Amino acid sequence: MIQEDNLVTVGRFDDDAYTSSQAGEFALNDAILRAEIARGYEEYLDVFERFYADEVEVSSEDSRETIRGKAQIRPFLLKFLVPLHVLAEVAGLSVSVQQAAVPRDAASETHSAWTVSFAGIDGKRCTLKWHAIRRWNASRVVYEHHYDHQQIGGPLTGDDLNPAAGLGSVRAEFSRAPRRN
């Protein structure tokens, strides 16, 4: 009888953790997909602040280093988002983001597939694809790992952007993982 009670308690905890992580994942991904880089990068920073734990850990299969804490991650986000915003708002770069859930049965862990397509004014495209694993503690991401990176198409150049923007010498390369200086 005691074992049955323990099993029910553990089962309820797992169901709650699973439901909580799935709801958090849905809300986070929805917020990312609704944000528009051409309007500004601040929406993405707000999403980061709202959904990620202060001591979140982020890693990638392309890097041996795990980045710990919002304060350490924020500069990487800005280094990527600010130029991307300028290219989208001023230079006519089109950015499209798609996400698909990857079914898993682990409580407190979610998996998703991401695709970001960049298109120049002439239609030339560069597409990045990757998968992400997130571990959740209640409504906050405490760990995120990116893997299976793919790039389809070459980098966009200044010729692919709006010539009126004066960015003709810009070579817009989108790396698969943030790099440290």
C-alpha atoms as a PDB file:
ATOM      1  CA  MET A   1       0.000   0.000   0.000  1.00  0.00           C
ATOM      2  CA  ILE A   2       2.805   2.453   0.754  1.00  0.00           C
ATOM      3  CA  GLN A   3       4.432   1.660  -2.597  1.00  0.00           C
ATOM      4  CA  GLU A   4       1.193   2.404  -4.426  1.00  0.00           C
ATOM      5  CA  ASP A   5       0.937   5.804  -2.734  1.00  0.00           C
ATOM      6  CA  ASN A   6       4.544   6.556  -3.655  1.00  0.00           C
ATOM      7  CA  LEU A   7       3.917   5.605  -7.258  1.00  0.00           C
ATOM      8  CA  VAL A   8       0.863   7.832  -7.457  1.00  0.00           C
ATOM      9  CA  THR A   9       2.778  10.749  -5.934  1.00  0.00           C
ATOM     10  CA  VAL A  10       5.684  10.312  -8.346  1.00  0.00           C
ATOM     11  CA  GLY A  11       3.248   9.934 -11.246  1.00  0.00           C
ATOM     12  CA  ARG A  12       1.463  13.144 -10.317  1.00  0.00           C
ATOM     13  CA  PHE A  13       4.757  15.002 -10.006  1.00  0.00           C
ATOM     14  CA  ASP A  14       5.913  13.798 -13.426  1.00  0.00           C
ATOM     15  CA  ASP A  15       2.593  14.741 -15.017  1.00  0.00           C
ATOM     16  CA  ASP A  16       2.775  18.215 -13.492  1.00  0.00           C
ATOM     17  CA  ALA A  17       6.403  18.698 -14.555  1.00  0.00           C
ATOM     18  CA  TYR A  18       5.615  17.456 -18.048  1.00  0.00           C
ATOM     19  CA  THR A  19       2.544  19.679 -18.364  1.00  0.00           C
ATOM     20  CA  SER A  20       4.408  22.676 -16.939  1.00  0.00           C
ATOM     21  CA  SER A  21       7.392  22.275 -19.280  1.00  0.00           C
ATOM     22  CA  GLN A  22       5.146  21.778 -22.322  1.00  0.00           C
ATOM     23  CA  ALA A  23       3.096  24.878 -21.470  1.00  0.00           C
ATOM     24  CA  GLY A  24       6.275  26.903 -20.933  1.00  0.00           C
ATOM     25  CA  GLU A  25       7.738  25.664 -24.211  1.00  0.00           C
ATOM     26  CA  PHE A  26       4.579  26.582 -26.097  1.00  0.00           C
ATOM     27  CA  ALA A  27       4.467  30.083 -24.575  1.00  0.00           C
ATOM     28  CA  LEU A  28       8.200  30.699 -25.159  1.00  0.00           C
ATOM     29  CA  ASN A  29       8.135  29.525 -28.772  1.00  0.00           C
ATOM     30  CA  ASP A  30       4.974  31.519 -29.457  1.00  0.00           C
ATOM     31  CA  ALA A  31       6.642  34.670 -28.084  1.00  0.00           C
ATOM     32  CA  ILE A  32       9.736  34.078 -30.256  1.00  0.00           C
ATOM     33  CA  LEU A  33       7.633  33.500 -33.361  1.00  0.00           C
ATOM     34  CA  ARG A  34       5.490  36.614 -32.732  1.00  0.00           C
ATOM     35  CA  ALA A  35       8.489  38.907 -32.284  1.00  0.00           C
ATOM     36  CA  GLU A  36       9.532  40.790 -35.415  1.00  0.00           C
ATOM     37  CA  ILE A  37      13.205  41.660 -35.844  1.00  0.00           C
ATOM     38  CA  ALA A  38      12.426  44.519 -38.251  1.00  0.00           C
ATOM     39  CA  ARG A  39      10.478  46.260 -35.430  1.00  0.00           C
ATOM     40  CA  GLY A  40      13.401  45.967 -33.052  1.00  0.00           C
ATOM     41  CA  TYR A  41      15.545  43.532 -31.130  1.00  0.00           C
ATOM     42  CA  GLU A  42      14.057  44.505 -27.749  1.00  0.00           C
ATOM     43  CA  GLU A  43      11.164  42.051 -28.091  1.00  0.00           C
ATOM     44  CA  TYR A  44      13.652  39.182 -28.146  1.00  0.00           C
ATOM     45  CA  LEU A  45      15.456  40.514 -25.093  1.00  0.00           C
ATOM     46  CA  ASP A  46      12.095  40.727 -23.281  1.00  0.00           C
ATOM     47  CA  VAL A  47      11.390  37.088 -24.184  1.00  0.00           C
ATOM     48  CA  PHE A  48      14.813  36.114 -22.843  1.00  0.00           C
ATOM     49  CA  GLU A  49      14.235  37.982 -19.575  1.00  0.00           C
ATOM     50  CA  ARG A  50      10.753  36.551 -19.108  1.00  0.00           C
ATOM     51  CA  PHE A  51      11.388  32.873 -19.846  1.00  0.00           C
ATOM     52  CA  TYR A  52      14.988  32.130 -18.834  1.00  0.00           C
ATOM     53  CA  ALA A  53      16.265  31.569 -15.298  1.00  0.00           C
ATOM     54  CA  ASP A  54      18.960  33.915 -13.994  1.00  0.00           C
ATOM     55  CA  GLU A  55      21.486  31.065 -13.864  1.00  0.00           C
ATOM     56  CA  VAL A  56      20.526  29.454 -17.201  1.00  0.00           C
ATOM     57  CA  GLU A  57      23.194  27.387 -18.961  1.00  0.00           C
ATOM     58  CA  VAL A  58      23.480  27.444 -22.759  1.00  0.00           C
ATOM     59  CA  SER A  59      25.637  25.139 -24.846  1.00  0.00           C
ATOM     60  CA  SER A  60      26.091  24.070 -28.442  1.00  0.00           C
ATOM     61  CA  GLU A  61      27.621  21.061 -30.130  1.00  0.00           C
ATOM     62  CA  ASP A  62      29.847  23.542 -32.013  1.00  0.00           C
ATOM     63  CA  SER A  63      31.434  24.882 -28.837  1.00  0.00           C
ATOM     64  CA  ARG A  64      33.212  23.216 -25.938  1.00  0.00           C
ATOM     65  CA  GLU A  65      32.175  26.017 -23.627  1.00  0.00           C
ATOM     66  CA  THR A  66      28.913  26.247 -21.699  1.00  0.00           C
ATOM     67  CA  ILE A  67      27.791  29.826 -21.071  1.00  0.00           C
ATOM     68  CA  ARG A  68      26.267  30.334 -17.628  1.00  0.00           C
ATOM     69  CA  GLY A  69      23.975  33.122 -16.494  1.00  0.00           C
ATOM     70  CA  LYS A  70      21.885  35.766 -18.199  1.00  0.00           C
ATOM     71  CA  ALA A  71      24.608  38.380 -17.767  1.00  0.00           C
ATOM     72  CA  GLN A  72      27.027  36.254 -19.823  1.00  0.00           C
ATOM     73  CA  ILE A  73      24.464  35.301 -22.491  1.00  0.00           C
ATOM     74  CA  ARG A  74      22.986  38.772 -23.078  1.00  0.00           C
ATOM     75  CA  PRO A  75      26.066  40.112 -25.000  1.00  0.00           C
ATOM     76  CA  PHE A  76      25.848  37.176 -27.427  1.00  0.00           C
ATOM     77  CA  LEU A  77      22.202  37.938 -28.070  1.00  0.00           C
ATOM     78  CA  LEU A  78      22.917  41.604 -28.686  1.00  0.00           C
ATOM     79  CA  LYS A  79      25.858  40.818 -30.982  1.00  0.00           C
ATOM     80  CA  PHE A  80      23.478  38.803 -33.161  1.00  0.00           C
ATOM     81  CA  LEU A  81      20.206  40.742 -32.815  1.00  0.00           C
ATOM     82  CA  VAL A  82      21.330  44.351 -33.268  1.00  0.00           C
ATOM     83  CA  PRO A  83      22.977  43.912 -36.713  1.00  0.00           C
ATOM     84  CA  LEU A  84      20.148  41.615 -37.779  1.00  0.00           C
ATOM     85  CA  HIS A  85      17.626  44.316 -36.831  1.00  0.00           C
ATOM     86  CA  VAL A  86      19.533  46.943 -38.827  1.00  0.00           C
ATOM     87  CA  LEU A  87      19.750  44.663 -41.875  1.00  0.00           C
ATOM     88  CA  ALA A  88      16.025  43.885 -41.678  1.00  0.00           C
ATOM     89  CA  GLU A  89      14.825  47.436 -41.003  1.00  0.00           C
ATOM     90  CA  VAL A  90      17.181  49.445 -43.206  1.00  0.00           C
ATOM     91  CA  ALA A  91      18.626  47.082 -45.805  1.00  0.00           C
ATOM     92  CA  GLY A  92      15.518  45.102 -46.718  1.00  0.00           C
ATOM     93  CA  LEU A  93      16.646  41.719 -45.403  1.00  0.00           C
ATOM     94  CA  SER A  94      13.651  39.432 -44.943  1.00  0.00           C
ATOM     95  CA  VAL A  95      13.778  37.109 -41.934  1.00  0.00           C
ATOM     96  CA  SER A  96      11.429  34.166 -41.495  1.00  0.00           C
ATOM     97  CA  VAL A  97      11.397  31.951 -38.384  1.00  0.00           C
ATOM     98  CA  GLN A  98       9.726  28.553 -38.103  1.00  0.00           C
ATOM     99  CA  GLN A  99       9.581  26.077 -35.250  1.00  0.00           C
ATOM    100  CA  ALA A 100       8.336  22.520 -34.875  1.00  0.00           C
ATOM    101  CA  ALA A 101       8.001  20.526 -31.670  1.00  0.00           C
ATOM    102  CA  VAL A 102       9.916  17.262 -31.533  1.00  0.00           C
ATOM    103  CA  PRO A 103       7.945  14.789 -29.392  1.00  0.00           C
ATOM    104  CA  ARG A 104       9.712  13.480 -26.288  1.00  0.00           C
ATOM    105  CA  ASP A 105       8.428  11.876 -23.137  1.00  0.00           C
ATOM    106  CA  ALA A 106      10.801  13.321 -20.538  1.00  0.00           C
ATOM    107  CA  ALA A 107       9.245  15.526 -17.897  1.00  0.00           C
ATOM    108  CA  SER A 108      10.840  18.979 -17.613  1.00  0.00           C
ATOM    109  CA  GLU A 109      12.609  18.619 -20.987  1.00  0.00           C
ATOM    110  CA  THR A 110      11.445  19.816 -24.392  1.00  0.00           C
ATOM    111  CA  HIS A 111      12.862  19.425 -27.891  1.00  0.00           C
ATOM    112  CA  SER A 112      12.224  21.553 -30.954  1.00  0.00           C
ATOM    113  CA  ALA A 113      13.450  22.044 -34.508  1.00  0.00           C
ATOM    114  CA  TRP A 114      14.128  25.583 -35.734  1.00  0.00           C
ATOM    115  CA  THR A 115      14.518  27.119 -39.179  1.00  0.00           C
ATOM    116  CA  VAL A 116      15.502  30.716 -39.862  1.00  0.00           C
ATOM    117  CA  SER A 117      15.526  31.884 -43.471  1.00  0.00           C
ATOM    118  CA  PHE A 118      17.185  35.096 -44.588  1.00  0.00           C
ATOM    119  CA  ALA A 119      16.258  36.486 -48.010  1.00  0.00           C
ATOM    120  CA  GLY A 120      17.825  39.417 -49.816  1.00  0.00           C
ATOM    121  CA  ILE A 121      15.897  41.858 -51.975  1.00  0.00           C
ATOM    122  CA  ASP A 122      16.692  39.752 -55.061  1.00  0.00           C
ATOM    123  CA  GLY A 123      15.361  36.572 -53.428  1.00  0.00           C
ATOM    124  CA  LYS A 124      18.737  34.964 -52.645  1.00  0.00           C
ATOM    125  CA  ARG A 125      18.370  32.877 -49.488  1.00  0.00           C
ATOM    126  CA  CYS A 126      20.466  31.590 -46.640  1.00  0.00           C
ATOM    127  CA  THR A 127      18.687  29.151 -44.326  1.00  0.00           C
ATOM    128  CA  LEU A 128      19.861  27.960 -40.929  1.00  0.00           C
ATOM    129  CA  LYS A 129      18.412  24.883 -39.242  1.00  0.00           C
ATOM    130  CA  TRP A 130      19.083  23.402 -35.818  1.00  0.00           C
ATOM    131  CA  HIS A 131      17.496  21.533 -32.930  1.00  0.00           C
ATOM    132  CA  ALA A 132      17.212  22.718 -29.343  1.00  0.00           C
ATOM    133  CA  ILE A 133      16.783  20.877 -26.065  1.00  0.00           C
ATOM    134  CA  ARG A 134      15.472  22.873 -23.134  1.00  0.00           C
ATOM    135  CA  ARG A 135      15.268  21.836 -19.515  1.00  0.00           C
ATOM    136  CA  TRP A 136      12.708  23.595 -17.413  1.00  0.00           C
ATOM    137  CA  ASN A 137      12.303  24.357 -13.734  1.00  0.00           C
ATOM    138  CA  ALA A 138       8.678  25.436 -13.341  1.00  0.00           C
ATOM    139  CA  SER A 139       8.164  28.234 -15.896  1.00  0.00           C
ATOM    140  CA  ARG A 140      11.864  29.020 -16.523  1.00  0.00           C
ATOM    141  CA  VAL A 141      14.443  27.543 -18.880  1.00  0.00           C
ATOM    142  CA  VAL A 142      17.447  26.421 -16.826  1.00  0.00           C
ATOM    143  CA  TYR A 143      19.392  24.729 -19.645  1.00  0.00           C
ATOM    144  CA  GLU A 144      19.377  25.019 -23.441  1.00  0.00           C
ATOM    145  CA  HIS A 145      21.521  23.042 -25.893  1.00  0.00           C
ATOM    146  CA  HIS A 146      21.665  23.561 -29.671  1.00  0.00           C
ATOM    147  CA  TYR A 147      22.704  20.734 -32.017  1.00  0.00           C
ATOM    148  CA  ASP A 148      22.422  19.415 -35.583  1.00  0.00           C
ATOM    149  CA  HIS A 149      23.255  22.770 -37.184  1.00  0.00           C
ATOM    150  CA  GLN A 150      22.800  23.037 -40.938  1.00  0.00           C
ATOM    151  CA  GLN A 151      23.270  25.921 -43.370  1.00  0.00           C
ATOM    152  CA  ILE A 152      21.582  25.873 -46.742  1.00  0.00           C
ATOM    153  CA  GLY A 153      22.802  28.458 -49.241  1.00  0.00           C
ATOM    154  CA  GLY A 154      25.768  30.756 -49.047  1.00  0.00           C
ATOM    155  CA  PRO A 155      26.128  34.003 -47.143  1.00  0.00           C
ATOM    156  CA  LEU A 156      24.236  37.049 -48.324  1.00  0.00           C
ATOM    157  CA  THR A 157      26.322  39.990 -49.521  1.00  0.00           C
ATOM    158  CA  GLY A 158      25.779  43.727 -49.908  1.00  0.00           C
ATOM    159  CA  ASP A 159      24.435  43.034 -53.413  1.00  0.00           C
ATOM    160  CA  ASP A 160      21.528  41.145 -51.821  1.00  0.00           C
ATOM    161  CA  LEU A 161      20.507  44.136 -49.706  1.00  0.00           C
ATOM    162  CA  ASN A 162      18.768  47.429 -50.490  1.00  0.00           C
ATOM    163  CA  PRO A 163      21.370  49.583 -52.287  1.00  0.00           C
ATOM    164  CA  ALA A 164      19.751  52.757 -50.876  1.00  0.00           C
ATOM    165  CA  ALA A 165      20.816  51.594 -47.403  1.00  0.00           C
ATOM    166  CA  GLY A 166      24.468  52.261 -48.297  1.00  0.00           C
ATOM    167  CA  LEU A 167      25.592  48.831 -47.128  1.00  0.00           C
ATOM    168  CA  GLY A 168      27.151  47.691 -50.413  1.00  0.00           C
ATOM    169  CA  SER A 169      30.370  46.524 -48.770  1.00  0.00           C
ATOM    170  CA  VAL A 170      28.589  44.536 -46.071  1.00  0.00           C
ATOM    171  CA  ARG A 171      28.883  40.781 -46.166  1.00  0.00           C
ATOM    172  CA  ALA A 172      26.043  39.432 -44.049  1.00  0.00           C
ATOM    173  CA  GLU A 173      27.225  36.098 -42.740  1.00  0.00           C
ATOM    174  CA  PHE A 174      25.075  34.339 -40.188  1.00  0.00           C
ATOM    175  CA  SER A 175      27.088  31.936 -38.095  1.00  0.00           C
ATOM    176  CA  ARG A 176      25.543  28.894 -36.528  1.00  0.00           C
ATOM    177  CA  ALA A 177      26.839  29.536 -33.043  1.00  0.00           C
ATOM    178  CA  PRO A 178      27.872  32.634 -31.146  1.00  0.00           C
ATOM    179  CA  ARG A 179      31.636  33.135 -30.970  1.00  0.00           C
ATOM    180  CA  ARG A 180      33.625  34.672 -28.158  1.00  0.00           C
ATOM    181  CA  ASN A 181      36.017  37.528 -28.896  1.00  0.00           C
END
